[in-house]
Amino acid sequence: MNKVQHKLNQLSATAICGNDISSSVLYVSALAIAFAGQYAWITLLIVSLVLFLFRKIYGEVVGALPLNGGAYNALLNTTSKSTASFAATLTILSYMATAVISANEAIHYLHHLIPAMP
């Protein structure tokens, strides 16, 4: 019995990826503004320059290994399984931390919308 596989179309996949990427960027910029104040633009410029320097590496890895798994898959094909597993563990921890930060920021935002909320 063959099951029909449903895949995301280009618009849905782009929306999910864009949300994943932009959410981290927005958290960092808000934290930079909170801590660096008027000098936040310098911090964000440095981050942008570092990411610009690594753009070819990201492009090469994504182009060579367009499979699911991200860092785990890239490292599994280039290093040992234990190194790839360690990277996968760090990726899962990163996603968990992002979820906690997202929930915390959502509550802070909701508190500003509804000040009577405890």
PDB file of N, CA and C in Angstrom:
ATOM      1  N   MET A   1       0.835  -1.172   0.000  1.00  0.00           N
ATOM      2  CA  MET A   1       0.000   0.000   0.000  1.00  0.00           C
ATOM      3  C   MET A   1       0.887   1.245   0.000  1.00  0.00           C
ATOM      4  N   ASN A   2       0.745   2.055  -1.004  1.00  0.00           N
ATOM      5  CA  ASN A   2       1.553   3.267  -1.110  1.00  0.00           C
ATOM      6  C   ASN A   2       0.847   4.428  -0.435  1.00  0.00           C
ATOM      7  N   LYS A   3       1.598   5.129   0.382  1.00  0.00           N
ATOM      8  CA  LYS A   3       1.054   6.314   1.037  1.00  0.00           C
ATOM      9  C   LYS A   3       1.444   7.543   0.230  1.00  0.00           C
ATOM     10  N   VAL A   4       0.530   8.472   0.142  1.00  0.00           N
ATOM     11  CA  VAL A   4       0.814   9.715  -0.558  1.00  0.00           C
ATOM     12  C   VAL A   4       1.640  10.604   0.366  1.00  0.00           C
ATOM     13  N   GLN A   5       2.776  11.047  -0.124  1.00  0.00           N
ATOM     14  CA  GLN A   5       3.619  11.933   0.677  1.00  0.00           C
ATOM     15  C   GLN A   5       3.254  13.378   0.366  1.00  0.00           C
ATOM     16  N   HIS A   6       2.937  14.109   1.406  1.00  0.00           N
ATOM     17  CA  HIS A   6       2.620  15.518   1.245  1.00  0.00           C
ATOM     18  C   HIS A   6       3.869  16.332   1.539  1.00  0.00           C
ATOM     19  N   LYS A   7       4.243  17.180   0.610  1.00  0.00           N
ATOM     20  CA  LYS A   7       5.416  18.029   0.789  1.00  0.00           C
ATOM     21  C   LYS A   7       4.974  19.482   0.811  1.00  0.00           C
ATOM     22  N   LEU A   8       5.775  20.296   1.477  1.00  0.00           N
ATOM     23  CA  LEU A   8       5.486  21.722   1.517  1.00  0.00           C
ATOM     24  C   LEU A   8       5.754  22.344   0.157  1.00  0.00           C
ATOM     25  N   ASN A   9       4.931  23.311  -0.197  1.00  0.00           N
ATOM     26  CA  ASN A   9       5.236  24.044  -1.419  1.00  0.00           C
ATOM     27  C   ASN A   9       6.301  25.101  -1.116  1.00  0.00           C
ATOM     28  N   GLN A  10       6.754  25.784  -2.140  1.00  0.00           N
ATOM     29  CA  GLN A  10       7.861  26.721  -1.983  1.00  0.00           C
ATOM     30  C   GLN A  10       7.505  27.863  -1.026  1.00  0.00           C
ATOM     31  N   LEU A  11       6.298  28.375  -1.098  1.00  0.00           N
ATOM     32  CA  LEU A  11       5.893  29.482  -0.240  1.00  0.00           C
ATOM     33  C   LEU A  11       5.867  29.069   1.228  1.00  0.00           C
ATOM     34  N   SER A  12       5.302  27.917   1.525  1.00  0.00           N
ATOM     35  CA  SER A  12       5.244  27.447   2.917  1.00  0.00           C
ATOM     36  C   SER A  12       6.630  27.170   3.474  1.00  0.00           C
ATOM     37  N   ALA A  13       7.478  26.528   2.684  1.00  0.00           N
ATOM     38  CA  ALA A  13       8.838  26.234   3.139  1.00  0.00           C
ATOM     39  C   ALA A  13       9.626  27.516   3.377  1.00  0.00           C
ATOM     40  N   THR A  14       9.462  28.489   2.489  1.00  0.00           N
ATOM     41  CA  THR A  14      10.154  29.770   2.659  1.00  0.00           C
ATOM     42  C   THR A  14       9.657  30.493   3.901  1.00  0.00           C
ATOM     43  N   ALA A  15       8.364  30.428   4.161  1.00  0.00           N
ATOM     44  CA  ALA A  15       7.808  31.081   5.351  1.00  0.00           C
ATOM     45  C   ALA A  15       8.361  30.467   6.628  1.00  0.00           C
ATOM     46  N   ILE A  16       8.462  29.152   6.670  1.00  0.00           N
ATOM     47  CA  ILE A  16       8.986  28.479   7.863  1.00  0.00           C
ATOM     48  C   ILE A  16      10.459  28.813   8.059  1.00  0.00           C
ATOM     49  N   CYS A  17      11.239  28.719   6.989  1.00  0.00           N
ATOM     50  CA  CYS A  17      12.673  29.026   7.093  1.00  0.00           C
ATOM     51  C   CYS A  17      12.897  30.489   7.444  1.00  0.00           C
ATOM     52  N   GLY A  18      12.135  31.368   6.819  1.00  0.00           N
ATOM     53  CA  GLY A  18      12.273  32.796   7.119  1.00  0.00           C
ATOM     54  C   GLY A  18      11.936  33.107   8.561  1.00  0.00           C
ATOM     55  N   ASN A  19      10.910  32.464   9.095  1.00  0.00           N
ATOM     56  CA  ASN A  19      10.542  32.652  10.496  1.00  0.00           C
ATOM     57  C   ASN A  19      11.641  32.153  11.415  1.00  0.00           C
ATOM     58  N   ASP A  20      12.217  31.005  11.091  1.00  0.00           N
ATOM     59  CA  ASP A  20      13.289  30.437  11.909  1.00  0.00           C
ATOM     60  C   ASP A  20      14.503  31.361  11.928  1.00  0.00           C
ATOM     61  N   ILE A  21      14.883  31.861  10.768  1.00  0.00           N
ATOM     62  CA  ILE A  21      16.062  32.725  10.674  1.00  0.00           C
ATOM     63  C   ILE A  21      15.797  34.089  11.302  1.00  0.00           C
ATOM     64  N   SER A  22      14.678  34.703  10.950  1.00  0.00           N
ATOM     65  CA  SER A  22      14.433  36.072  11.412  1.00  0.00           C
ATOM     66  C   SER A  22      14.152  36.147  12.907  1.00  0.00           C
ATOM     67  N   SER A  23      13.593  35.098  13.506  1.00  0.00           N
ATOM     68  CA  SER A  23      13.311  35.166  14.942  1.00  0.00           C
ATOM     69  C   SER A  23      14.602  35.308  15.739  1.00  0.00           C
ATOM     70  N   SER A  24      15.626  34.567  15.376  1.00  0.00           N
ATOM     71  CA  SER A  24      16.905  34.684  16.078  1.00  0.00           C
ATOM     72  C   SER A  24      17.521  36.056  15.863  1.00  0.00           C
ATOM     73  N   VAL A  25      17.424  36.564  14.647  1.00  0.00           N
ATOM     74  CA  VAL A  25      17.983  37.883  14.346  1.00  0.00           C
ATOM     75  C   VAL A  25      17.280  38.960  15.166  1.00  0.00           C
ATOM     76  N   LEU A  26      15.973  38.867  15.278  1.00  0.00           N
ATOM     77  CA  LEU A  26      15.228  39.877  16.025  1.00  0.00           C
ATOM     78  C   LEU A  26      15.540  39.818  17.518  1.00  0.00           C
ATOM     79  N   TYR A  27      15.751  38.624  18.074  1.00  0.00           N
ATOM     80  CA  TYR A  27      16.128  38.530  19.483  1.00  0.00           C
ATOM     81  C   TYR A  27      17.483  39.183  19.716  1.00  0.00           C
ATOM     82  N   VAL A  28      18.435  38.900  18.850  1.00  0.00           N
ATOM     83  CA  VAL A  28      19.782  39.449  19.020  1.00  0.00           C
ATOM     84  C   VAL A  28      19.771  40.961  18.894  1.00  0.00           C
ATOM     85  N   SER A  29      19.056  41.481  17.914  1.00  0.00           N
ATOM     86  CA  SER A  29      19.043  42.934  17.750  1.00  0.00           C
ATOM     87  C   SER A  29      18.372  43.619  18.937  1.00  0.00           C
ATOM     88  N   ALA A  30      17.313  43.025  19.466  1.00  0.00           N
ATOM     89  CA  ALA A  30      16.655  43.617  20.637  1.00  0.00           C
ATOM     90  C   ALA A  30      17.573  43.592  21.856  1.00  0.00           C
ATOM     91  N   LEU A  31      18.287  42.483  22.061  1.00  0.00           N
ATOM     92  CA  LEU A  31      19.224  42.407  23.185  1.00  0.00           C
ATOM     93  C   LEU A  31      20.389  43.372  23.009  1.00  0.00           C
ATOM     94  N   ALA A  32      20.869  43.504  21.781  1.00  0.00           N
ATOM     95  CA  ALA A  32      21.967  44.442  21.521  1.00  0.00           C
ATOM     96  C   ALA A  32      21.538  45.869  21.819  1.00  0.00           C
ATOM     97  N   ILE A  33      20.337  46.226  21.426  1.00  0.00           N
ATOM     98  CA  ILE A  33      19.834  47.573  21.698  1.00  0.00           C
ATOM     99  C   ILE A  33      19.656  47.777  23.195  1.00  0.00           C
ATOM    100  N   ALA A  34      19.162  46.761  23.895  1.00  0.00           N
ATOM    101  CA  ALA A  34      18.943  46.879  25.340  1.00  0.00           C
ATOM    102  C   ALA A  34      20.247  47.074  26.098  1.00  0.00           C
ATOM    103  N   PHE A  35      21.301  46.358  25.707  1.00  0.00           N
ATOM    104  CA  PHE A  35      22.554  46.425  26.451  1.00  0.00           C
ATOM    105  C   PHE A  35      23.525  47.469  25.912  1.00  0.00           C
ATOM    106  N   ALA A  36      23.551  47.678  24.602  1.00  0.00           N
ATOM    107  CA  ALA A  36      24.534  48.592  24.020  1.00  0.00           C
ATOM    108  C   ALA A  36      23.965  49.979  23.759  1.00  0.00           C
ATOM    109  N   GLY A  37      22.659  50.105  23.808  1.00  0.00           N
ATOM    110  CA  GLY A  37      22.043  51.411  23.621  1.00  0.00           C
ATOM    111  C   GLY A  37      22.345  52.005  22.257  1.00  0.00           C
ATOM    112  N   GLN A  38      22.875  53.219  22.272  1.00  0.00           N
ATOM    113  CA  GLN A  38      23.130  53.915  21.013  1.00  0.00           C
ATOM    114  C   GLN A  38      24.268  53.299  20.208  1.00  0.00           C
ATOM    115  N   TYR A  39      25.045  52.420  20.834  1.00  0.00           N
ATOM    116  CA  TYR A  39      26.150  51.767  20.126  1.00  0.00           C
ATOM    117  C   TYR A  39      25.774  50.373  19.616  1.00  0.00           C
ATOM    118  N   ALA A  40      24.509  50.047  19.657  1.00  0.00           N
ATOM    119  CA  ALA A  40      24.053  48.727  19.205  1.00  0.00           C
ATOM    120  C   ALA A  40      24.358  48.507  17.729  1.00  0.00           C
ATOM    121  N   TRP A  41      24.324  49.552  16.949  1.00  0.00           N
ATOM    122  CA  TRP A  41      24.586  49.402  15.523  1.00  0.00           C
ATOM    123  C   TRP A  41      25.994  48.873  15.273  1.00  0.00           C
ATOM    124  N   ILE A  42      26.938  49.211  16.153  1.00  0.00           N
ATOM    125  CA  ILE A  42      28.312  48.714  15.997  1.00  0.00           C
ATOM    126  C   ILE A  42      28.338  47.202  16.236  1.00  0.00           C
ATOM    127  N   THR A  43      27.652  46.772  17.277  1.00  0.00           N
ATOM    128  CA  THR A  43      27.575  45.344  17.584  1.00  0.00           C
ATOM    129  C   THR A  43      26.946  44.568  16.432  1.00  0.00           C
ATOM    130  N   LEU A  44      25.841  45.076  15.922  1.00  0.00           N
ATOM    131  CA  LEU A  44      25.149  44.397  14.829  1.00  0.00           C
ATOM    132  C   LEU A  44      25.969  44.422  13.542  1.00  0.00           C
ATOM    133  N   LEU A  45      26.744  45.486  13.340  1.00  0.00           N
ATOM    134  CA  LEU A  45      27.627  45.557  12.174  1.00  0.00           C
ATOM    135  C   LEU A  45      28.719  44.490  12.254  1.00  0.00           C
ATOM    136  N   ILE A  46      29.276  44.295  13.446  1.00  0.00           N
ATOM    137  CA  ILE A  46      30.305  43.261  13.632  1.00  0.00           C
ATOM    138  C   ILE A  46      29.720  41.874  13.362  1.00  0.00           C
ATOM    139  N   VAL A  47      28.527  41.618  13.888  1.00  0.00           N
ATOM    140  CA  VAL A  47      27.867  40.326  13.645  1.00  0.00           C
ATOM    141  C   VAL A  47      27.621  40.127  12.149  1.00  0.00           C
ATOM    142  N   SER A  48      27.166  41.169  11.479  1.00  0.00           N
ATOM    143  CA  SER A  48      26.919  41.077  10.035  1.00  0.00           C
ATOM    144  C   SER A  48      28.193  40.789   9.264  1.00  0.00           C
ATOM    145  N   LEU A  49      29.285  41.427   9.647  1.00  0.00           N
ATOM    146  CA  LEU A  49      30.562  41.194   8.966  1.00  0.00           C
ATOM    147  C   LEU A  49      31.053  39.761   9.165  1.00  0.00           C
ATOM    148  N   VAL A  50      30.912  39.240  10.376  1.00  0.00           N
ATOM    149  CA  VAL A  50      31.328  37.858  10.640  1.00  0.00           C
ATOM    150  C   VAL A  50      30.489  36.886   9.809  1.00  0.00           C
ATOM    151  N   LEU A  51      29.174  37.098   9.772  1.00  0.00           N
ATOM    152  CA  LEU A  51      28.316  36.231   8.962  1.00  0.00           C
ATOM    153  C   LEU A  51      28.641  36.358   7.477  1.00  0.00           C
ATOM    154  N   PHE A  52      28.984  37.561   7.048  1.00  0.00           N
ATOM    155  CA  PHE A  52      29.359  37.770   5.648  1.00  0.00           C
ATOM    156  C   PHE A  52      30.608  36.972   5.301  1.00  0.00           C
ATOM    157  N   LEU A  53      31.555  36.903   6.230  1.00  0.00           N
ATOM    158  CA  LEU A  53      32.782  36.151   5.985  1.00  0.00           C
ATOM    159  C   LEU A  53      32.521  34.647   5.866  1.00  0.00           C
ATOM    160  N   PHE A  54      31.507  34.152   6.546  1.00  0.00           N
ATOM    161  CA  PHE A  54      31.202  32.719   6.532  1.00  0.00           C
ATOM    162  C   PHE A  54      30.167  32.325   5.479  1.00  0.00           C
ATOM    163  N   ARG A  55      29.711  33.251   4.671  1.00  0.00           N
ATOM    164  CA  ARG A  55      28.635  32.970   3.722  1.00  0.00           C
ATOM    165  C   ARG A  55      28.994  31.893   2.711  1.00  0.00           C
ATOM    166  N   LYS A  56      30.229  31.870   2.239  1.00  0.00           N
ATOM    167  CA  LYS A  56      30.622  30.864   1.240  1.00  0.00           C
ATOM    168  C   LYS A  56      30.665  29.467   1.855  1.00  0.00           C
ATOM    169  N   ILE A  57      31.070  29.393   3.116  1.00  0.00           N
ATOM    170  CA  ILE A  57      31.098  28.093   3.793  1.00  0.00           C
ATOM    171  C   ILE A  57      29.678  27.557   3.947  1.00  0.00           C
ATOM    172  N   TYR A  58      28.759  28.418   4.406  1.00  0.00           N
ATOM    173  CA  TYR A  58      27.366  27.994   4.528  1.00  0.00           C
ATOM    174  C   TYR A  58      26.815  27.563   3.171  1.00  0.00           C
ATOM    175  N   GLY A  59      27.077  28.352   2.153  1.00  0.00           N
ATOM    176  CA  GLY A  59      26.592  28.036   0.811  1.00  0.00           C
ATOM    177  C   GLY A  59      27.138  26.720   0.291  1.00  0.00           C
ATOM    178  N   GLU A  60      28.413  26.451   0.558  1.00  0.00           N
ATOM    179  CA  GLU A  60      29.029  25.204   0.098  1.00  0.00           C
ATOM    180  C   GLU A  60      28.440  23.990   0.807  1.00  0.00           C
ATOM    181  N   VAL A  61      28.266  24.098   2.115  1.00  0.00           N
ATOM    182  CA  VAL A  61      27.703  22.972   2.874  1.00  0.00           C
ATOM    183  C   VAL A  61      26.266  22.702   2.451  1.00  0.00           C
ATOM    184  N   VAL A  62      25.470  23.748   2.324  1.00  0.00           N
ATOM    185  CA  VAL A  62      24.067  23.563   1.931  1.00  0.00           C
ATOM    186  C   VAL A  62      23.975  23.035   0.504  1.00  0.00           C
ATOM    187  N   GLY A  63      24.845  23.522  -0.376  1.00  0.00           N
ATOM    188  CA  GLY A  63      24.828  23.045  -1.759  1.00  0.00           C
ATOM    189  C   GLY A  63      25.284  21.606  -1.889  1.00  0.00           C
ATOM    190  N   ALA A  64      26.261  21.212  -1.088  1.00  0.00           N
ATOM    191  CA  ALA A  64      26.788  19.849  -1.173  1.00  0.00           C
ATOM    192  C   ALA A  64      25.892  18.839  -0.477  1.00  0.00           C
ATOM    193  N   LEU A  65      25.246  19.251   0.596  1.00  0.00           N
ATOM    194  CA  LEU A  65      24.412  18.335   1.384  1.00  0.00           C
ATOM    195  C   LEU A  65      23.013  18.910   1.574  1.00  0.00           C
ATOM    196  N   PRO A  66      22.200  18.912   0.536  1.00  0.00           N
ATOM    197  CA  PRO A  66      20.864  19.510   0.667  1.00  0.00           C
ATOM    198  C   PRO A  66      19.851  18.573   1.330  1.00  0.00           C
ATOM    199  N   LEU A  67      20.310  17.785   2.283  1.00  0.00           N
ATOM    200  CA  LEU A  67      19.438  16.835   2.966  1.00  0.00           C
ATOM    201  C   LEU A  67      19.013  17.386   4.318  1.00  0.00           C
ATOM    202  N   ASN A  68      18.043  16.739   4.927  1.00  0.00           N
ATOM    203  CA  ASN A  68      17.625  17.131   6.274  1.00  0.00           C
ATOM    204  C   ASN A  68      18.716  16.777   7.273  1.00  0.00           C
ATOM    205  N   GLY A  69      18.775  17.512   8.360  1.00  0.00           N
ATOM    206  CA  GLY A  69      19.716  17.161   9.412  1.00  0.00           C
ATOM    207  C   GLY A  69      20.732  18.233   9.719  1.00  0.00           C
ATOM    208  N   GLY A  70      20.884  19.210   8.870  1.00  0.00           N
ATOM    209  CA  GLY A  70      21.757  20.346   9.126  1.00  0.00           C
ATOM    210  C   GLY A  70      23.167  19.978   9.510  1.00  0.00           C
ATOM    211  N   ALA A  71      23.577  20.450  10.680  1.00  0.00           N
ATOM    212  CA  ALA A  71      24.951  20.251  11.149  1.00  0.00           C
ATOM    213  C   ALA A  71      25.276  18.772  11.309  1.00  0.00           C
ATOM    214  N   TYR A  72      24.315  17.992  11.774  1.00  0.00           N
ATOM    215  CA  TYR A  72      24.561  16.552  11.961  1.00  0.00           C
ATOM    216  C   TYR A  72      24.918  15.888  10.636  1.00  0.00           C
ATOM    217  N   ASN A  73      24.131  16.158   9.621  1.00  0.00           N
ATOM    218  CA  ASN A  73      24.359  15.536   8.319  1.00  0.00           C
ATOM    219  C   ASN A  73      25.677  15.980   7.707  1.00  0.00           C
ATOM    220  N   ALA A  74      25.994  17.272   7.818  1.00  0.00           N
ATOM    221  CA  ALA A  74      27.256  17.773   7.268  1.00  0.00           C
ATOM    222  C   ALA A  74      28.444  17.141   7.984  1.00  0.00           C
ATOM    223  N   LEU A  75      28.391  17.074   9.303  1.00  0.00           N
ATOM    224  CA  LEU A  75      29.503  16.503  10.063  1.00  0.00           C
ATOM    225  C   LEU A  75      29.579  14.987   9.933  1.00  0.00           C
ATOM    226  N   LEU A  76      28.447  14.339   9.767  1.00  0.00           N
ATOM    227  CA  LEU A  76      28.452  12.888   9.597  1.00  0.00           C
ATOM    228  C   LEU A  76      29.197  12.491   8.319  1.00  0.00           C
ATOM    229  N   ASN A  77      29.105  13.331   7.304  1.00  0.00           N
ATOM    230  CA  ASN A  77      29.789  13.049   6.042  1.00  0.00           C
ATOM    231  C   ASN A  77      31.248  13.494   6.038  1.00  0.00           C
ATOM    232  N   THR A  78      31.681  14.237   7.053  1.00  0.00           N
ATOM    233  CA  THR A  78      33.056  14.751   7.042  1.00  0.00           C
ATOM    234  C   THR A  78      33.870  14.363   8.269  1.00  0.00           C
ATOM    235  N   THR A  79      33.216  13.984   9.365  1.00  0.00           N
ATOM    236  CA  THR A  79      33.939  13.629  10.591  1.00  0.00           C
ATOM    237  C   THR A  79      33.383  12.323  11.149  1.00  0.00           C
ATOM    238  N   SER A  80      33.673  12.080  12.419  1.00  0.00           N
ATOM    239  CA  SER A  80      33.201  10.847  13.062  1.00  0.00           C
ATOM    240  C   SER A  80      31.739  10.973  13.493  1.00  0.00           C
ATOM    241  N   LYS A  81      31.144   9.823  13.784  1.00  0.00           N
ATOM    242  CA  LYS A  81      29.747   9.812  14.215  1.00  0.00           C
ATOM    243  C   LYS A  81      29.584  10.476  15.580  1.00  0.00           C
ATOM    244  N   SER A  82      30.578  10.341  16.461  1.00  0.00           N
ATOM    245  CA  SER A  82      30.473  10.968  17.782  1.00  0.00           C
ATOM    246  C   SER A  82      30.497  12.490  17.668  1.00  0.00           C
ATOM    247  N   THR A  83      31.311  13.031  16.771  1.00  0.00           N
ATOM    248  CA  THR A  83      31.337  14.481  16.564  1.00  0.00           C
ATOM    249  C   THR A  83      30.006  14.958  15.996  1.00  0.00           C
ATOM    250  N   ALA A  84      29.468  14.215  15.042  1.00  0.00           N
ATOM    251  CA  ALA A  84      28.180  14.573  14.456  1.00  0.00           C
ATOM    252  C   ALA A  84      27.067  14.489  15.498  1.00  0.00           C
ATOM    253  N   SER A  85      27.115  13.480  16.358  1.00  0.00           N
ATOM    254  CA  SER A  85      26.108  13.344  17.417  1.00  0.00           C
ATOM    255  C   SER A  85      26.198  14.485  18.416  1.00  0.00           C
ATOM    256  N   PHE A  86      27.413  14.905  18.725  1.00  0.00           N
ATOM    257  CA  PHE A  86      27.602  16.040  19.628  1.00  0.00           C
ATOM    258  C   PHE A  86      26.999  17.308  19.019  1.00  0.00           C
ATOM    259  N   ALA A  87      27.229  17.519  17.723  1.00  0.00           N
ATOM    260  CA  ALA A  87      26.648  18.682  17.039  1.00  0.00           C
ATOM    261  C   ALA A  87      25.125  18.609  17.036  1.00  0.00           C
ATOM    262  N   ALA A  88      24.579  17.414  16.834  1.00  0.00           N
ATOM    263  CA  ALA A  88      23.123  17.249  16.853  1.00  0.00           C
ATOM    264  C   ALA A  88      22.560  17.561  18.234  1.00  0.00           C
ATOM    265  N   THR A  89      23.270  17.137  19.278  1.00  0.00           N
ATOM    266  CA  THR A  89      22.844  17.436  20.648  1.00  0.00           C
ATOM    267  C   THR A  89      22.837  18.937  20.897  1.00  0.00           C
ATOM    268  N   LEU A  90      23.888  19.616  20.449  1.00  0.00           N
ATOM    269  CA  LEU A  90      23.944  21.072  20.609  1.00  0.00           C
ATOM    270  C   LEU A  90      22.833  21.761  19.822  1.00  0.00           C
ATOM    271  N   THR A  91      22.503  21.225  18.653  1.00  0.00           N
ATOM    272  CA  THR A  91      21.420  21.796  17.856  1.00  0.00           C
ATOM    273  C   THR A  91      20.086  21.656  18.579  1.00  0.00           C
ATOM    274  N   ILE A  92      19.839  20.490  19.159  1.00  0.00           N
ATOM    275  CA  ILE A  92      18.592  20.281  19.911  1.00  0.00           C
ATOM    276  C   ILE A  92      18.533  21.215  21.116  1.00  0.00           C
ATOM    277  N   LEU A  93      19.649  21.357  21.830  1.00  0.00           N
ATOM    278  CA  LEU A  93      19.691  22.284  22.966  1.00  0.00           C
ATOM    279  C   LEU A  93      19.446  23.720  22.515  1.00  0.00           C
ATOM    280  N   SER A  94      19.981  24.080  21.367  1.00  0.00           N
ATOM    281  CA  SER A  94      19.763  25.421  20.830  1.00  0.00           C
ATOM    282  C   SER A  94      18.290  25.656  20.528  1.00  0.00           C
ATOM    283  N   TYR A  95      17.634  24.664  19.922  1.00  0.00           N
ATOM    284  CA  TYR A  95      16.205  24.796  19.641  1.00  0.00           C
ATOM    285  C   TYR A  95      15.393  24.883  20.928  1.00  0.00           C
ATOM    286  N   MET A  96      15.778  24.118  21.937  1.00  0.00           N
ATOM    287  CA  MET A  96      15.068  24.176  23.219  1.00  0.00           C
ATOM    288  C   MET A  96      15.244  25.548  23.867  1.00  0.00           C
ATOM    289  N   ALA A  97      16.458  26.084  23.826  1.00  0.00           N
ATOM    290  CA  ALA A  97      16.703  27.412  24.392  1.00  0.00           C
ATOM    291  C   ALA A  97      15.915  28.473  23.632  1.00  0.00           C
ATOM    292  N   THR A  98      15.850  28.338  22.319  1.00  0.00           N
ATOM    293  CA  THR A  98      15.075  29.287  21.515  1.00  0.00           C
ATOM    294  C   THR A  98      13.599  29.218  21.877  1.00  0.00           C
ATOM    295  N   ALA A  99      13.091  28.020  22.117  1.00  0.00           N
ATOM    296  CA  ALA A  99      11.686  27.873  22.503  1.00  0.00           C
ATOM    297  C   ALA A  99      11.412  28.542  23.845  1.00  0.00           C
ATOM    298  N   VAL A 100      12.331  28.382  24.795  1.00  0.00           N
ATOM    299  CA  VAL A 100      12.167  29.010  26.110  1.00  0.00           C
ATOM    300  C   VAL A 100      12.208  30.528  25.980  1.00  0.00           C
ATOM    301  N   ILE A 101      13.156  31.037  25.212  1.00  0.00           N
ATOM    302  CA  ILE A 101      13.266  32.487  25.021  1.00  0.00           C
ATOM    303  C   ILE A 101      12.025  33.020  24.314  1.00  0.00           C
ATOM    304  N   SER A 102      11.537  32.294  23.316  1.00  0.00           N
ATOM    305  CA  SER A 102      10.330  32.717  22.605  1.00  0.00           C
ATOM    306  C   SER A 102       9.133  32.787  23.544  1.00  0.00           C
ATOM    307  N   ALA A 103       8.969  31.777  24.373  1.00  0.00           N
ATOM    308  CA  ALA A 103       7.854  31.771  25.323  1.00  0.00           C
ATOM    309  C   ALA A 103       7.984  32.910  26.321  1.00  0.00           C
ATOM    310  N   ASN A 104       9.194  33.136  26.818  1.00  0.00           N
ATOM    311  CA  ASN A 104       9.436  34.213  27.766  1.00  0.00           C
ATOM    312  C   ASN A 104       9.127  35.577  27.139  1.00  0.00           C
ATOM    313  N   GLU A 105       9.601  35.794  25.926  1.00  0.00           N
ATOM    314  CA  GLU A 105       9.343  37.066  25.249  1.00  0.00           C
ATOM    315  C   GLU A 105       7.865  37.238  24.936  1.00  0.00           C
ATOM    316  N   ALA A 106       7.178  36.147  24.608  1.00  0.00           N
ATOM    317  CA  ALA A 106       5.742  36.235  24.345  1.00  0.00           C
ATOM    318  C   ALA A 106       4.988  36.661  25.598  1.00  0.00           C
ATOM    319  N   ILE A 107       5.382  36.130  26.745  1.00  0.00           N
ATOM    320  CA  ILE A 107       4.738  36.517  28.005  1.00  0.00           C
ATOM    321  C   ILE A 107       5.032  37.977  28.333  1.00  0.00           C
ATOM    322  N   HIS A 108       6.279  38.418  28.126  1.00  0.00           N
ATOM    323  CA  HIS A 108       6.613  39.830  28.357  1.00  0.00           C
ATOM    324  C   HIS A 108       5.795  40.732  27.438  1.00  0.00           C
ATOM    325  N   TYR A 109       5.669  40.343  26.186  1.00  0.00           N
ATOM    326  CA  TYR A 109       4.893  41.126  25.226  1.00  0.00           C
ATOM    327  C   TYR A 109       3.428  41.172  25.636  1.00  0.00           C
ATOM    328  N   LEU A 110       2.888  40.033  26.036  1.00  0.00           N
ATOM    329  CA  LEU A 110       1.498  39.971  26.474  1.00  0.00           C
ATOM    330  C   LEU A 110       1.282  40.812  27.730  1.00  0.00           C
ATOM    331  N   HIS A 111       2.273  40.818  28.618  1.00  0.00           N
ATOM    332  CA  HIS A 111       2.179  41.624  29.835  1.00  0.00           C
ATOM    333  C   HIS A 111       2.122  43.114  29.501  1.00  0.00           C
ATOM    334  N   HIS A 112       2.853  43.536  28.472  1.00  0.00           N
ATOM    335  CA  HIS A 112       2.799  44.943  28.069  1.00  0.00           C
ATOM    336  C   HIS A 112       1.472  45.277  27.396  1.00  0.00           C
ATOM    337  N   LEU A 113       0.877  44.301  26.715  1.00  0.00           N
ATOM    338  CA  LEU A 113      -0.426  44.535  26.101  1.00  0.00           C
ATOM    339  C   LEU A 113      -1.535  44.576  27.141  1.00  0.00           C
ATOM    340  N   ILE A 114      -1.422  43.705  28.142  1.00  0.00           N
ATOM    341  CA  ILE A 114      -2.430  43.625  29.202  1.00  0.00           C
ATOM    342  C   ILE A 114      -1.713  43.851  30.533  1.00  0.00           C
ATOM    343  N   PRO A 115      -1.567  45.112  30.975  1.00  0.00           N
ATOM    344  CA  PRO A 115      -0.798  45.403  32.189  1.00  0.00           C
ATOM    345  C   PRO A 115      -1.357  44.771  33.458  1.00  0.00           C
ATOM    346  N   ALA A 116      -2.650  44.477  33.509  1.00  0.00           N
ATOM    347  CA  ALA A 116      -3.236  43.898  34.718  1.00  0.00           C
ATOM    348  C   ALA A 116      -2.848  42.439  34.904  1.00  0.00           C
ATOM    349  N   MET A 117      -2.243  41.847  33.890  1.00  0.00           N
ATOM    350  CA  MET A 117      -1.848  40.442  33.989  1.00  0.00           C
ATOM    351  C   MET A 117      -0.659  40.301  34.940  1.00  0.00           C
ATOM    352  N   PRO A 118      -0.660  39.290  35.839  1.00  0.00           N
ATOM    353  CA  PRO A 118       0.458  39.161  36.803  1.00  0.00           C
ATOM    354  C   PRO A 118       1.757  38.755  36.145  1.00  0.00           C
TER     355      PRO A 118
END
